[in-house]
């Protein structure tokens, strides 16, 4: 049973969340990529389901809701650190881990809200075995299609499609360390090296371990660039439930962060 904070005067509901999101500035008909922490919102009557209902209510039938549904548990085990696995296990993991399946593969560290979006009728999940996104709404196919292993988090990924669509970013109870759009800025800035990666996928109906290149992303300075973007006036801040929420235009944020990385990373 979820612990209830005695200092929370009333439960958070779909209706109260909807009102909070409207006050924050979430626009009907927009494309919205959401990074979230359910626990930060407080006790929600209906849990993640209620949050997803509120997001969809505010976006309306013309809006598209997008969430990261990453499954990095399928990555190459050699560099794992939290926790590491014995080197003697590596070949077994590479040979036996189930192939990525958009319908079945669990997310890793994404939280209850993205896992709920995956279950919405009509939701579409992209094909990248490690860095998929899930979307529901009129632009869901455009956001998720063509996301092959080589396209990771760069121009031809869902992040690039969100940029083209003029999406907004909602950080719901989380900070910029969770803001995947900043990885698109990393790609554009040319400040990080490329490394080899691997994952199990289905090729012509057969499981195969495939290798591909990806950017060696680094999020340690994401809070700094987010703070600088706020000073530049790109961020609207307000309460959603008991969480602090941040709403930003993704295109302006990526443009700002690209320049910031070039100027501040060595």
C-alpha atoms as a PDB file:
ATOM      1  CA  UNK A   1       0.000   0.000   0.000  1.00  0.00           C
ATOM      2  CA  UNK A   2       1.268   3.472  -0.905  1.00  0.00           C
ATOM      3  CA  UNK A   3       2.350   5.620   2.048  1.00  0.00           C
ATOM      4  CA  UNK A   4       0.206   8.733   2.455  1.00  0.00           C
ATOM      5  CA  UNK A   5       1.903  11.947   3.550  1.00  0.00           C
ATOM      6  CA  UNK A   6      -0.105  13.373   6.491  1.00  0.00           C
ATOM      7  CA  UNK A   7       0.789  16.873   5.249  1.00  0.00           C
ATOM      8  CA  UNK A   8      -1.071  16.303   1.957  1.00  0.00           C
ATOM      9  CA  UNK A   9      -4.490  17.875   2.602  1.00  0.00           C
ATOM     10  CA  UNK A  10      -6.456  16.200  -0.215  1.00  0.00           C
ATOM     11  CA  UNK A  11      -5.756  13.481  -2.798  1.00  0.00           C
ATOM     12  CA  UNK A  12      -4.550  14.491  -6.221  1.00  0.00           C
ATOM     13  CA  UNK A  13      -7.107  13.575  -8.886  1.00  0.00           C
ATOM     14  CA  UNK A  14      -7.411  13.544 -12.649  1.00  0.00           C
ATOM     15  CA  UNK A  15      -9.476  16.741 -12.424  1.00  0.00           C
ATOM     16  CA  UNK A  16      -6.963  18.579 -10.229  1.00  0.00           C
ATOM     17  CA  UNK A  17      -4.061  17.450 -12.417  1.00  0.00           C
ATOM     18  CA  UNK A  18      -5.885  18.642 -15.519  1.00  0.00           C
ATOM     19  CA  UNK A  19      -6.383  22.079 -13.956  1.00  0.00           C
ATOM     20  CA  UNK A  20      -2.724  22.243 -12.902  1.00  0.00           C
ATOM     21  CA  UNK A  21      -1.492  21.318 -16.375  1.00  0.00           C
ATOM     22  CA  UNK A  22      -3.709  23.952 -17.995  1.00  0.00           C
ATOM     23  CA  UNK A  23      -2.380  26.598 -15.578  1.00  0.00           C
ATOM     24  CA  UNK A  24       1.174  25.554 -16.393  1.00  0.00           C
ATOM     25  CA  UNK A  25       0.514  26.161 -20.067  1.00  0.00           C
ATOM     26  CA  UNK A  26       0.193  22.722 -21.650  1.00  0.00           C
ATOM     27  CA  UNK A  27      -1.630  23.509 -24.883  1.00  0.00           C
ATOM     28  CA  UNK A  28      -4.465  21.531 -26.493  1.00  0.00           C
ATOM     29  CA  UNK A  29      -3.368  19.996 -29.777  1.00  0.00           C
ATOM     30  CA  UNK A  30       0.330  20.174 -28.958  1.00  0.00           C
ATOM     31  CA  UNK A  31       2.955  17.440 -29.088  1.00  0.00           C
ATOM     32  CA  UNK A  32       4.258  16.873 -25.566  1.00  0.00           C
ATOM     33  CA  UNK A  33       7.167  14.700 -24.461  1.00  0.00           C
ATOM     34  CA  UNK A  34       6.882  13.921 -20.752  1.00  0.00           C
ATOM     35  CA  UNK A  35       9.550  12.872 -18.254  1.00  0.00           C
ATOM     36  CA  UNK A  36       8.018  12.071 -14.907  1.00  0.00           C
ATOM     37  CA  UNK A  37       8.122  10.813 -11.350  1.00  0.00           C
ATOM     38  CA  UNK A  38       4.783   9.559 -10.090  1.00  0.00           C
ATOM     39  CA  UNK A  39       5.859   9.633  -6.438  1.00  0.00           C
ATOM     40  CA  UNK A  40       6.732  13.338  -6.653  1.00  0.00           C
ATOM     41  CA  UNK A  41       3.099  14.205  -7.454  1.00  0.00           C
ATOM     42  CA  UNK A  42       1.878  12.955  -4.086  1.00  0.00           C
ATOM     43  CA  UNK A  43      -0.958  10.543  -3.455  1.00  0.00           C
ATOM     44  CA  UNK A  44      -2.863  10.324  -6.752  1.00  0.00           C
ATOM     45  CA  UNK A  45      -6.290   8.726  -6.740  1.00  0.00           C
ATOM     46  CA  UNK A  46      -5.870   6.205  -9.536  1.00  0.00           C
ATOM     47  CA  UNK A  47      -2.081   6.449  -9.697  1.00  0.00           C
ATOM     48  CA  UNK A  48      -0.330   6.583 -13.063  1.00  0.00           C
ATOM     49  CA  UNK A  49      -3.596   5.878 -14.883  1.00  0.00           C
ATOM     50  CA  UNK A  50      -5.056   9.123 -13.530  1.00  0.00           C
ATOM     51  CA  UNK A  51      -1.962  11.085 -14.596  1.00  0.00           C
ATOM     52  CA  UNK A  52      -2.129   9.731 -18.143  1.00  0.00           C
ATOM     53  CA  UNK A  53      -5.846  10.523 -18.331  1.00  0.00           C
ATOM     54  CA  UNK A  54      -5.133  14.108 -17.258  1.00  0.00           C
ATOM     55  CA  UNK A  55      -2.344  14.546 -19.812  1.00  0.00           C
ATOM     56  CA  UNK A  56      -4.559  13.234 -22.598  1.00  0.00           C
ATOM     57  CA  UNK A  57      -7.502  15.362 -21.442  1.00  0.00           C
ATOM     58  CA  UNK A  58      -5.434  18.535 -21.653  1.00  0.00           C
ATOM     59  CA  UNK A  59      -3.859  17.634 -25.006  1.00  0.00           C
ATOM     60  CA  UNK A  60      -7.256  16.723 -26.452  1.00  0.00           C
ATOM     61  CA  UNK A  61      -7.876  14.597 -29.561  1.00  0.00           C
ATOM     62  CA  UNK A  62      -5.502  16.712 -31.645  1.00  0.00           C
ATOM     63  CA  UNK A  63      -2.557  16.384 -29.263  1.00  0.00           C
ATOM     64  CA  UNK A  64       0.126  13.724 -29.106  1.00  0.00           C
ATOM     65  CA  UNK A  65       1.597  12.400 -25.850  1.00  0.00           C
ATOM     66  CA  UNK A  66       5.162  11.033 -26.032  1.00  0.00           C
ATOM     67  CA  UNK A  67       7.220   9.281 -23.336  1.00  0.00           C
ATOM     68  CA  UNK A  68      10.642   7.609 -23.292  1.00  0.00           C
ATOM     69  CA  UNK A  69      10.356   3.833 -22.916  1.00  0.00           C
ATOM     70  CA  UNK A  70      14.048   2.945 -22.855  1.00  0.00           C
ATOM     71  CA  UNK A  71      15.109  -0.654 -22.250  1.00  0.00           C
ATOM     72  CA  UNK A  72      18.821  -0.391 -21.553  1.00  0.00           C
ATOM     73  CA  UNK A  73      18.737  -3.740 -19.753  1.00  0.00           C
ATOM     74  CA  UNK A  74      19.210  -5.180 -23.272  1.00  0.00           C
ATOM     75  CA  UNK A  75      22.483  -3.333 -23.877  1.00  0.00           C
ATOM     76  CA  UNK A  76      25.914  -4.925 -24.065  1.00  0.00           C
ATOM     77  CA  UNK A  77      26.764  -6.031 -20.499  1.00  0.00           C
ATOM     78  CA  UNK A  78      30.494  -5.260 -20.666  1.00  0.00           C
ATOM     79  CA  UNK A  79      30.265  -1.642 -19.418  1.00  0.00           C
ATOM     80  CA  UNK A  80      27.457  -2.181 -16.886  1.00  0.00           C
ATOM     81  CA  UNK A  81      28.150  -0.584 -13.516  1.00  0.00           C
ATOM     82  CA  UNK A  82      24.864  -0.472 -11.532  1.00  0.00           C
ATOM     83  CA  UNK A  83      25.279  -3.334 -10.969  1.00  0.00           C
ATOM     84  CA  UNK A  84      28.193  -4.810 -12.922  1.00  0.00           C
ATOM     85  CA  UNK A  85      27.981  -8.455 -13.917  1.00  0.00           C
ATOM     86  CA  UNK A  86      30.882 -10.940 -13.989  1.00  0.00           C
ATOM     87  CA  UNK A  87      32.778 -11.031 -17.274  1.00  0.00           C
ATOM     88  CA  UNK A  88      32.111 -14.768 -17.413  1.00  0.00           C
ATOM     89  CA  UNK A  89      28.400 -13.945 -17.858  1.00  0.00           C
ATOM     90  CA  UNK A  90      28.769 -11.555 -20.785  1.00  0.00           C
ATOM     91  CA  UNK A  91      28.605 -14.076 -23.615  1.00  0.00           C
ATOM     92  CA  UNK A  92      25.598 -15.822 -22.050  1.00  0.00           C
ATOM     93  CA  UNK A  93      23.716 -12.526 -21.740  1.00  0.00           C
ATOM     94  CA  UNK A  94      24.540 -11.612 -25.336  1.00  0.00           C
ATOM     95  CA  UNK A  95      23.398 -15.032 -26.537  1.00  0.00           C
ATOM     96  CA  UNK A  96      20.288 -15.480 -24.428  1.00  0.00           C
ATOM     97  CA  UNK A  97      18.668 -12.109 -23.605  1.00  0.00           C
ATOM     98  CA  UNK A  98      15.263 -12.005 -25.372  1.00  0.00           C
ATOM     99  CA  UNK A  99      15.095  -9.902 -28.506  1.00  0.00           C
ATOM    100  CA  UNK A 100      13.547  -6.468 -28.140  1.00  0.00           C
ATOM    101  CA  UNK A 101       9.786  -6.624 -28.615  1.00  0.00           C
ATOM    102  CA  UNK A 102       7.897  -3.295 -28.586  1.00  0.00           C
ATOM    103  CA  UNK A 103       4.843  -5.011 -27.092  1.00  0.00           C
ATOM    104  CA  UNK A 104       6.584  -7.051 -24.405  1.00  0.00           C
ATOM    105  CA  UNK A 105       9.950  -5.551 -23.475  1.00  0.00           C
ATOM    106  CA  UNK A 106       9.812  -3.794 -20.120  1.00  0.00           C
ATOM    107  CA  UNK A 107      11.186  -0.322 -19.622  1.00  0.00           C
ATOM    108  CA  UNK A 108      14.216   0.285 -17.389  1.00  0.00           C
ATOM    109  CA  UNK A 109      14.073   3.146 -14.897  1.00  0.00           C
ATOM    110  CA  UNK A 110      11.383   5.057 -16.767  1.00  0.00           C
ATOM    111  CA  UNK A 111       8.692   4.867 -14.088  1.00  0.00           C
ATOM    112  CA  UNK A 112       5.011   4.018 -13.886  1.00  0.00           C
ATOM    113  CA  UNK A 113       3.693   6.774 -16.151  1.00  0.00           C
ATOM    114  CA  UNK A 114       5.547   5.675 -19.328  1.00  0.00           C
ATOM    115  CA  UNK A 115       4.667   2.069 -18.579  1.00  0.00           C
ATOM    116  CA  UNK A 116       1.000   3.101 -18.487  1.00  0.00           C
ATOM    117  CA  UNK A 117       1.223   5.057 -21.748  1.00  0.00           C
ATOM    118  CA  UNK A 118       2.498   1.855 -23.396  1.00  0.00           C
ATOM    119  CA  UNK A 119      -0.849   0.226 -22.609  1.00  0.00           C
ATOM    120  CA  UNK A 120      -3.086   2.943 -24.073  1.00  0.00           C
ATOM    121  CA  UNK A 121      -5.035   1.576 -27.060  1.00  0.00           C
ATOM    122  CA  UNK A 122      -3.441   2.829 -30.259  1.00  0.00           C
ATOM    123  CA  UNK A 123      -0.112   3.698 -28.640  1.00  0.00           C
ATOM    124  CA  UNK A 124       2.927   3.159 -30.852  1.00  0.00           C
ATOM    125  CA  UNK A 125       6.402   2.275 -29.589  1.00  0.00           C
ATOM    126  CA  UNK A 126       9.498   2.810 -31.697  1.00  0.00           C
ATOM    127  CA  UNK A 127      11.812  -0.021 -32.761  1.00  0.00           C
ATOM    128  CA  UNK A 128      15.103   0.959 -31.140  1.00  0.00           C
ATOM    129  CA  UNK A 129      16.052  -1.902 -28.788  1.00  0.00           C
ATOM    130  CA  UNK A 130      17.560   0.407 -26.138  1.00  0.00           C
ATOM    131  CA  UNK A 131      16.153   3.940 -26.581  1.00  0.00           C
ATOM    132  CA  UNK A 132      12.565   3.546 -27.731  1.00  0.00           C
ATOM    133  CA  UNK A 133       9.835   6.144 -27.327  1.00  0.00           C
ATOM    134  CA  UNK A 134       6.094   5.531 -27.106  1.00  0.00           C
ATOM    135  CA  UNK A 135       3.488   7.927 -28.478  1.00  0.00           C
ATOM    136  CA  UNK A 136      -0.275   8.161 -28.632  1.00  0.00           C
ATOM    137  CA  UNK A 137      -2.145  10.688 -30.734  1.00  0.00           C
ATOM    138  CA  UNK A 138      -2.310  11.916 -34.339  1.00  0.00           C
ATOM    139  CA  UNK A 139       1.481  12.309 -34.690  1.00  0.00           C
ATOM    140  CA  UNK A 140       2.376   9.012 -32.987  1.00  0.00           C
ATOM    141  CA  UNK A 141       3.433   7.275 -36.213  1.00  0.00           C
ATOM    142  CA  UNK A 142       5.564  10.194 -37.360  1.00  0.00           C
ATOM    143  CA  UNK A 143       7.333  10.367 -33.990  1.00  0.00           C
ATOM    144  CA  UNK A 144       8.090   6.653 -33.692  1.00  0.00           C
ATOM    145  CA  UNK A 145       8.570   5.244 -37.201  1.00  0.00           C
ATOM    146  CA  UNK A 146      12.000   4.373 -38.610  1.00  0.00           C
ATOM    147  CA  UNK A 147      13.805   4.326 -35.263  1.00  0.00           C
ATOM    148  CA  UNK A 148      16.490   1.765 -36.141  1.00  0.00           C
ATOM    149  CA  UNK A 149      19.484   0.947 -33.893  1.00  0.00           C
ATOM    150  CA  UNK A 150      21.749   3.313 -35.832  1.00  0.00           C
ATOM    151  CA  UNK A 151      19.407   6.257 -35.199  1.00  0.00           C
ATOM    152  CA  UNK A 152      19.607   6.252 -31.390  1.00  0.00           C
ATOM    153  CA  UNK A 153      18.929   9.777 -29.993  1.00  0.00           C
ATOM    154  CA  UNK A 154      20.040  11.977 -32.898  1.00  0.00           C
ATOM    155  CA  UNK A 155      18.521  13.662 -35.922  1.00  0.00           C
ATOM    156  CA  UNK A 156      16.637  10.635 -37.260  1.00  0.00           C
ATOM    157  CA  UNK A 157      15.316   9.532 -33.868  1.00  0.00           C
ATOM    158  CA  UNK A 158      11.994  10.454 -32.243  1.00  0.00           C
ATOM    159  CA  UNK A 159      13.830  13.416 -30.686  1.00  0.00           C
ATOM    160  CA  UNK A 160      14.506  14.760 -34.172  1.00  0.00           C
ATOM    161  CA  UNK A 161      10.862  14.274 -35.110  1.00  0.00           C
ATOM    162  CA  UNK A 162       9.783  16.134 -31.958  1.00  0.00           C
ATOM    163  CA  UNK A 163      12.048  19.017 -32.978  1.00  0.00           C
ATOM    164  CA  UNK A 164      10.432  19.126 -36.430  1.00  0.00           C
ATOM    165  CA  UNK A 165       6.953  19.089 -34.879  1.00  0.00           C
ATOM    166  CA  UNK A 166       7.665  21.961 -32.485  1.00  0.00           C
ATOM    167  CA  UNK A 167       7.007  19.813 -29.426  1.00  0.00           C
ATOM    168  CA  UNK A 168       7.064  20.893 -25.804  1.00  0.00           C
ATOM    169  CA  UNK A 169       8.980  19.186 -22.997  1.00  0.00           C
ATOM    170  CA  UNK A 170       7.268  18.573 -19.654  1.00  0.00           C
ATOM    171  CA  UNK A 171       9.479  17.680 -16.692  1.00  0.00           C
ATOM    172  CA  UNK A 172       6.965  16.430 -14.150  1.00  0.00           C
ATOM    173  CA  UNK A 173       8.668  16.124 -10.787  1.00  0.00           C
ATOM    174  CA  UNK A 174      12.085  15.451 -12.344  1.00  0.00           C
ATOM    175  CA  UNK A 175      15.000  17.644 -13.350  1.00  0.00           C
ATOM    176  CA  UNK A 176      16.929  18.135 -16.556  1.00  0.00           C
ATOM    177  CA  UNK A 177      19.086  15.106 -15.791  1.00  0.00           C
ATOM    178  CA  UNK A 178      16.082  13.156 -17.129  1.00  0.00           C
ATOM    179  CA  UNK A 179      15.553  15.407 -20.150  1.00  0.00           C
ATOM    180  CA  UNK A 180      16.306  13.225 -23.175  1.00  0.00           C
ATOM    181  CA  UNK A 181      15.957  16.145 -25.603  1.00  0.00           C
ATOM    182  CA  UNK A 182      19.347  17.333 -24.384  1.00  0.00           C
ATOM    183  CA  UNK A 183      20.846  14.247 -26.014  1.00  0.00           C
ATOM    184  CA  UNK A 184      19.768  15.636 -29.396  1.00  0.00           C
ATOM    185  CA  UNK A 185      21.726  18.778 -28.519  1.00  0.00           C
ATOM    186  CA  UNK A 186      24.717  16.574 -27.653  1.00  0.00           C
ATOM    187  CA  UNK A 187      24.525  15.007 -31.110  1.00  0.00           C
ATOM    188  CA  UNK A 188      24.401  18.397 -32.769  1.00  0.00           C
ATOM    189  CA  UNK A 189      27.166  19.913 -30.673  1.00  0.00           C
ATOM    190  CA  UNK A 190      29.817  17.357 -31.644  1.00  0.00           C
ATOM    191  CA  UNK A 191      31.163  17.300 -28.076  1.00  0.00           C
ATOM    192  CA  UNK A 192      30.993  13.549 -27.398  1.00  0.00           C
ATOM    193  CA  UNK A 193      32.683  10.515 -29.001  1.00  0.00           C
ATOM    194  CA  UNK A 194      31.003   7.555 -30.681  1.00  0.00           C
ATOM    195  CA  UNK A 195      31.237   4.103 -29.078  1.00  0.00           C
ATOM    196  CA  UNK A 196      30.233   0.564 -30.042  1.00  0.00           C
ATOM    197  CA  UNK A 197      27.034  -0.915 -28.648  1.00  0.00           C
ATOM    198  CA  UNK A 198      24.975  -4.064 -29.081  1.00  0.00           C
ATOM    199  CA  UNK A 199      21.508  -5.478 -28.397  1.00  0.00           C
ATOM    200  CA  UNK A 200      19.279  -8.458 -29.278  1.00  0.00           C
ATOM    201  CA  UNK A 201      16.748  -7.782 -32.026  1.00  0.00           C
ATOM    202  CA  UNK A 202      14.499  -9.730 -34.381  1.00  0.00           C
ATOM    203  CA  UNK A 203      15.766  -9.925 -37.971  1.00  0.00           C
ATOM    204  CA  UNK A 204      13.360 -11.685 -40.365  1.00  0.00           C
ATOM    205  CA  UNK A 205      11.707 -13.277 -37.341  1.00  0.00           C
ATOM    206  CA  UNK A 206      14.948 -14.609 -35.859  1.00  0.00           C
ATOM    207  CA  UNK A 207      16.731 -13.357 -32.757  1.00  0.00           C
ATOM    208  CA  UNK A 208      20.139 -11.864 -33.473  1.00  0.00           C
ATOM    209  CA  UNK A 209      22.690  -9.915 -31.460  1.00  0.00           C
ATOM    210  CA  UNK A 210      23.487  -6.845 -33.544  1.00  0.00           C
ATOM    211  CA  UNK A 211      26.204  -4.250 -33.044  1.00  0.00           C
ATOM    212  CA  UNK A 212      25.955  -0.581 -33.920  1.00  0.00           C
ATOM    213  CA  UNK A 213      27.523   2.765 -33.066  1.00  0.00           C
ATOM    214  CA  UNK A 214      26.000   5.221 -30.630  1.00  0.00           C
ATOM    215  CA  UNK A 215      26.986   8.523 -29.076  1.00  0.00           C
ATOM    216  CA  UNK A 216      28.696   8.211 -25.690  1.00  0.00           C
ATOM    217  CA  UNK A 217      26.151  10.504 -24.039  1.00  0.00           C
ATOM    218  CA  UNK A 218      26.957  12.268 -20.773  1.00  0.00           C
ATOM    219  CA  UNK A 219      24.314  13.904 -18.591  1.00  0.00           C
ATOM    220  CA  UNK A 220      26.402  15.233 -15.700  1.00  0.00           C
ATOM    221  CA  UNK A 221      26.030  18.834 -16.882  1.00  0.00           C
ATOM    222  CA  UNK A 222      22.379  18.625 -17.916  1.00  0.00           C
ATOM    223  CA  UNK A 223      21.232  20.423 -14.756  1.00  0.00           C
ATOM    224  CA  UNK A 224      23.639  23.265 -15.537  1.00  0.00           C
ATOM    225  CA  UNK A 225      22.374  23.729 -19.071  1.00  0.00           C
ATOM    226  CA  UNK A 226      18.794  23.492 -17.805  1.00  0.00           C
ATOM    227  CA  UNK A 227      19.466  26.222 -15.251  1.00  0.00           C
ATOM    228  CA  UNK A 228      21.002  28.401 -17.959  1.00  0.00           C
ATOM    229  CA  UNK A 229      17.962  27.813 -20.178  1.00  0.00           C
ATOM    230  CA  UNK A 230      15.712  28.924 -17.314  1.00  0.00           C
ATOM    231  CA  UNK A 231      17.725  32.141 -16.903  1.00  0.00           C
ATOM    232  CA  UNK A 232      17.306  32.680 -20.651  1.00  0.00           C
ATOM    233  CA  UNK A 233      13.539  32.580 -20.165  1.00  0.00           C
ATOM    234  CA  UNK A 234      12.822  29.239 -21.815  1.00  0.00           C
ATOM    235  CA  UNK A 235      11.181  27.588 -18.813  1.00  0.00           C
ATOM    236  CA  UNK A 236       7.737  27.902 -17.220  1.00  0.00           C
ATOM    237  CA  UNK A 237       7.587  26.485 -13.690  1.00  0.00           C
ATOM    238  CA  UNK A 238       4.540  25.573 -11.635  1.00  0.00           C
ATOM    239  CA  UNK A 239       2.957  22.940  -9.404  1.00  0.00           C
ATOM    240  CA  UNK A 240       1.301  19.836 -10.772  1.00  0.00           C
ATOM    241  CA  UNK A 241      -0.099  18.003  -7.797  1.00  0.00           C
ATOM    242  CA  UNK A 242       2.685  18.233  -5.221  1.00  0.00           C
ATOM    243  CA  UNK A 243       5.396  18.095  -7.893  1.00  0.00           C
ATOM    244  CA  UNK A 244       7.345  20.957  -9.385  1.00  0.00           C
ATOM    245  CA  UNK A 245       6.768  20.891 -13.144  1.00  0.00           C
ATOM    246  CA  UNK A 246       8.793  22.569 -15.876  1.00  0.00           C
ATOM    247  CA  UNK A 247       7.474  23.247 -19.377  1.00  0.00           C
ATOM    248  CA  UNK A 248       9.839  24.199 -22.204  1.00  0.00           C
ATOM    249  CA  UNK A 249       9.676  24.464 -26.015  1.00  0.00           C
ATOM    250  CA  UNK A 250      11.839  21.591 -27.219  1.00  0.00           C
ATOM    251  CA  UNK A 251      13.181  23.297 -30.347  1.00  0.00           C
ATOM    252  CA  UNK A 252      14.348  26.408 -28.484  1.00  0.00           C
ATOM    253  CA  UNK A 253      15.823  24.258 -25.723  1.00  0.00           C
ATOM    254  CA  UNK A 254      17.786  22.075 -28.146  1.00  0.00           C
ATOM    255  CA  UNK A 255      19.100  25.124 -30.015  1.00  0.00           C
ATOM    256  CA  UNK A 256      20.153  26.760 -26.743  1.00  0.00           C
ATOM    257  CA  UNK A 257      21.753  23.604 -25.356  1.00  0.00           C
ATOM    258  CA  UNK A 258      23.675  22.915 -28.570  1.00  0.00           C
ATOM    259  CA  UNK A 259      25.409  26.271 -28.257  1.00  0.00           C
ATOM    260  CA  UNK A 260      25.890  25.843 -24.510  1.00  0.00           C
ATOM    261  CA  UNK A 261      27.610  22.482 -24.951  1.00  0.00           C
ATOM    262  CA  UNK A 262      29.933  23.865 -27.613  1.00  0.00           C
ATOM    263  CA  UNK A 263      30.855  26.780 -25.366  1.00  0.00           C
ATOM    264  CA  UNK A 264      31.176  24.955 -22.049  1.00  0.00           C
ATOM    265  CA  UNK A 265      32.363  21.434 -22.751  1.00  0.00           C
ATOM    266  CA  UNK A 266      36.071  20.843 -23.279  1.00  0.00           C
END
